[in-house]
Protein backbone atom coordinates (compact mmCIF):
# COMPACT_ATOMS: atom_id res chain seq x y z
CA MET A 1 80.31 -114.12 -19.88
CA THR A 2 84.06 -113.41 -19.51
CA ALA A 3 84.78 -114.78 -22.99
CA GLN A 4 82.04 -112.54 -24.42
CA MET A 5 83.47 -109.48 -22.67
CA ASN A 6 87.01 -110.32 -23.94
CA ALA A 7 85.70 -110.70 -27.47
CA TYR A 8 83.78 -107.43 -27.19
CA ASN A 9 86.85 -105.61 -25.77
CA ALA A 10 88.98 -107.00 -28.62
CA TYR A 11 86.35 -105.76 -31.17
CA LYS A 12 86.27 -102.34 -29.61
CA GLN A 13 90.14 -102.11 -29.57
CA ASN A 14 90.25 -103.31 -33.19
CA SER A 15 87.63 -100.78 -34.37
CA VAL A 16 89.72 -97.95 -32.82
CA THR A 17 93.04 -99.12 -34.26
CA THR A 18 91.65 -99.59 -37.77
CA ALA A 19 89.54 -96.41 -37.88
CA SER A 20 90.36 -93.44 -40.15
CA PRO A 21 91.10 -90.09 -38.56
CA GLY A 22 87.62 -88.99 -39.51
CA GLU A 23 85.97 -92.00 -37.92
CA LEU A 24 88.15 -91.49 -34.70
CA THR A 25 86.83 -87.91 -34.49
CA LEU A 26 83.30 -89.33 -34.77
CA MET A 27 84.02 -91.80 -31.97
CA LEU A 28 85.29 -88.96 -29.83
CA TYR A 29 82.04 -87.02 -30.31
CA ASN A 30 79.99 -90.11 -29.50
CA GLY A 31 82.09 -90.85 -26.44
CA CYS A 32 81.62 -87.23 -25.17
CA ILE A 33 77.89 -87.50 -25.66
CA LYS A 34 77.84 -90.82 -23.76
CA PHE A 35 79.75 -89.33 -20.83
CA LEU A 36 77.49 -86.27 -20.71
CA GLY A 37 74.50 -88.56 -20.51
CA LYS A 38 76.07 -90.45 -17.65
CA ALA A 39 76.92 -87.21 -15.89
CA LYS A 40 73.23 -86.10 -16.14
CA VAL A 41 72.07 -89.34 -14.57
CA ALA A 42 74.63 -88.99 -11.82
CA ILE A 43 73.44 -85.47 -11.05
CA GLU A 44 69.86 -86.72 -10.88
CA GLU A 45 71.00 -89.51 -8.43
CA LYS A 46 73.07 -87.00 -6.50
CA ASN A 47 76.12 -89.21 -7.14
CA ILE A 48 78.81 -86.46 -6.99
CA GLN A 49 81.83 -88.76 -7.64
CA GLU A 50 80.16 -90.34 -10.76
CA LYS A 51 79.13 -86.84 -12.04
CA ASN A 52 82.63 -85.57 -11.55
CA THR A 53 84.23 -88.59 -13.26
CA ASN A 54 81.97 -88.38 -16.32
CA ILE A 55 82.23 -84.66 -16.73
CA GLN A 56 85.99 -84.92 -16.52
CA LYS A 57 85.96 -87.64 -19.21
CA ALA A 58 83.90 -85.39 -21.46
CA GLN A 59 86.29 -82.52 -20.80
CA ALA A 60 89.27 -84.86 -21.67
CA ILE A 61 87.63 -85.62 -25.02
CA ILE A 62 87.04 -81.97 -25.73
CA ALA A 63 90.66 -81.27 -24.85
CA GLU A 64 91.63 -84.01 -27.34
CA LEU A 65 89.42 -82.47 -30.01
CA MET A 66 91.03 -79.13 -29.33
CA SER A 67 94.53 -80.57 -29.66
CA THR A 68 93.82 -82.08 -33.07
CA LEU A 69 92.73 -78.81 -34.60
CA ASN A 70 94.86 -77.61 -37.47
CA MET A 71 95.13 -73.92 -36.80
CA ASP A 72 96.29 -73.28 -40.41
CA ILE A 73 92.61 -73.91 -41.36
CA GLU A 74 90.08 -71.22 -40.85
CA ILE A 75 87.29 -73.47 -39.48
CA SER A 76 89.71 -74.64 -36.72
CA LYS A 77 90.15 -71.01 -35.65
CA GLN A 78 86.39 -70.80 -35.37
CA MET A 79 85.98 -74.10 -33.53
CA LEU A 80 88.64 -73.50 -30.87
CA PRO A 81 86.67 -70.86 -28.97
CA LEU A 82 83.55 -73.06 -29.09
CA TYR A 83 85.48 -75.98 -27.62
CA GLU A 84 86.89 -73.62 -24.97
CA TYR A 85 83.33 -72.43 -24.18
CA MET A 86 82.09 -75.97 -23.81
CA ASN A 87 84.93 -76.83 -21.51
CA HIS A 88 84.32 -73.74 -19.37
CA ARG A 89 80.53 -74.62 -19.24
CA LEU A 90 81.40 -78.13 -18.08
CA VAL A 91 83.50 -76.71 -15.16
CA GLU A 92 80.42 -74.68 -14.25
CA ALA A 93 78.11 -77.68 -14.59
CA ASN A 94 80.41 -79.70 -12.29
CA ILE A 95 80.50 -76.95 -9.66
CA GLN A 96 76.71 -76.15 -9.83
CA ASN A 97 75.49 -79.77 -10.38
CA SER A 98 73.56 -78.39 -13.39
CA ILE A 99 71.80 -80.70 -15.77
CA GLU A 100 70.82 -77.62 -17.77
CA ILE A 101 74.38 -76.74 -18.49
CA VAL A 102 75.24 -80.34 -19.37
CA ASP A 103 72.27 -80.38 -21.71
CA GLU A 104 73.58 -77.18 -23.35
CA VAL A 105 77.06 -78.71 -23.98
CA GLU A 106 75.49 -82.01 -25.11
CA GLY A 107 73.45 -80.07 -27.68
CA LEU A 108 76.58 -78.42 -29.07
CA VAL A 109 78.55 -81.73 -29.15
CA THR A 110 75.56 -83.37 -30.86
CA GLU A 111 75.48 -80.67 -33.51
CA PHE A 112 79.18 -81.03 -34.14
CA ARG A 113 78.85 -84.80 -34.26
CA ASP A 114 75.96 -84.66 -36.76
CA THR A 115 77.81 -82.15 -38.94
CA TRP A 116 80.91 -84.36 -38.84
CA LYS A 117 78.86 -87.37 -39.85
CA GLU A 118 77.63 -85.48 -42.89
CA VAL A 119 81.14 -84.38 -43.80
CA LEU A 120 82.27 -88.06 -43.64
CA LYS A 121 79.31 -89.13 -45.78
CA ILE A 122 79.98 -86.58 -48.40
CA THR A 123 83.67 -87.32 -48.50
CA ARG A 124 83.00 -91.00 -48.88
CA GLN A 125 80.55 -90.35 -51.71
CA GLN A 126 83.15 -88.18 -53.45
CA GLN A 127 85.82 -90.87 -53.04
CA PHE A 128 83.75 -93.99 -53.83
CA GLY A 129 80.33 -92.93 -55.04
CA GLY A 130 80.77 -92.45 -58.68
CA THR A 131 81.05 -88.71 -58.67
CA GLN A 132 83.30 -88.89 -61.73
CA GLN A 133 83.31 -85.75 -63.76
CA VAL A 134 83.14 -85.93 -67.48
């Protein structure tokens, strides 16, 4: 089992170090969704420490997403307040032990993730998919 875990960890590390910036952003969104799901389970189980840990991990990912915004681009100026809102809501969720608030943030992150997946798909099609113009 240890050899399998070592191989899996090596695979995970390699996938992160070889990912494009766009793929890394997608990984951040997916990680945030994962930690929000774990936080909801912890709230249901009344495991305050686990809830706090996972909400803080989700907040760290949101902070990372905020720090990578290029504020010279208009969409970044629109996304920053949304990230700030999600971070604020997670503080409230942590204080209130609120699955509903975590659900709200999870919905927003999922929308961002799904939109980002579409952007990556379109970009790849434009780069590699024979969209040559005559």
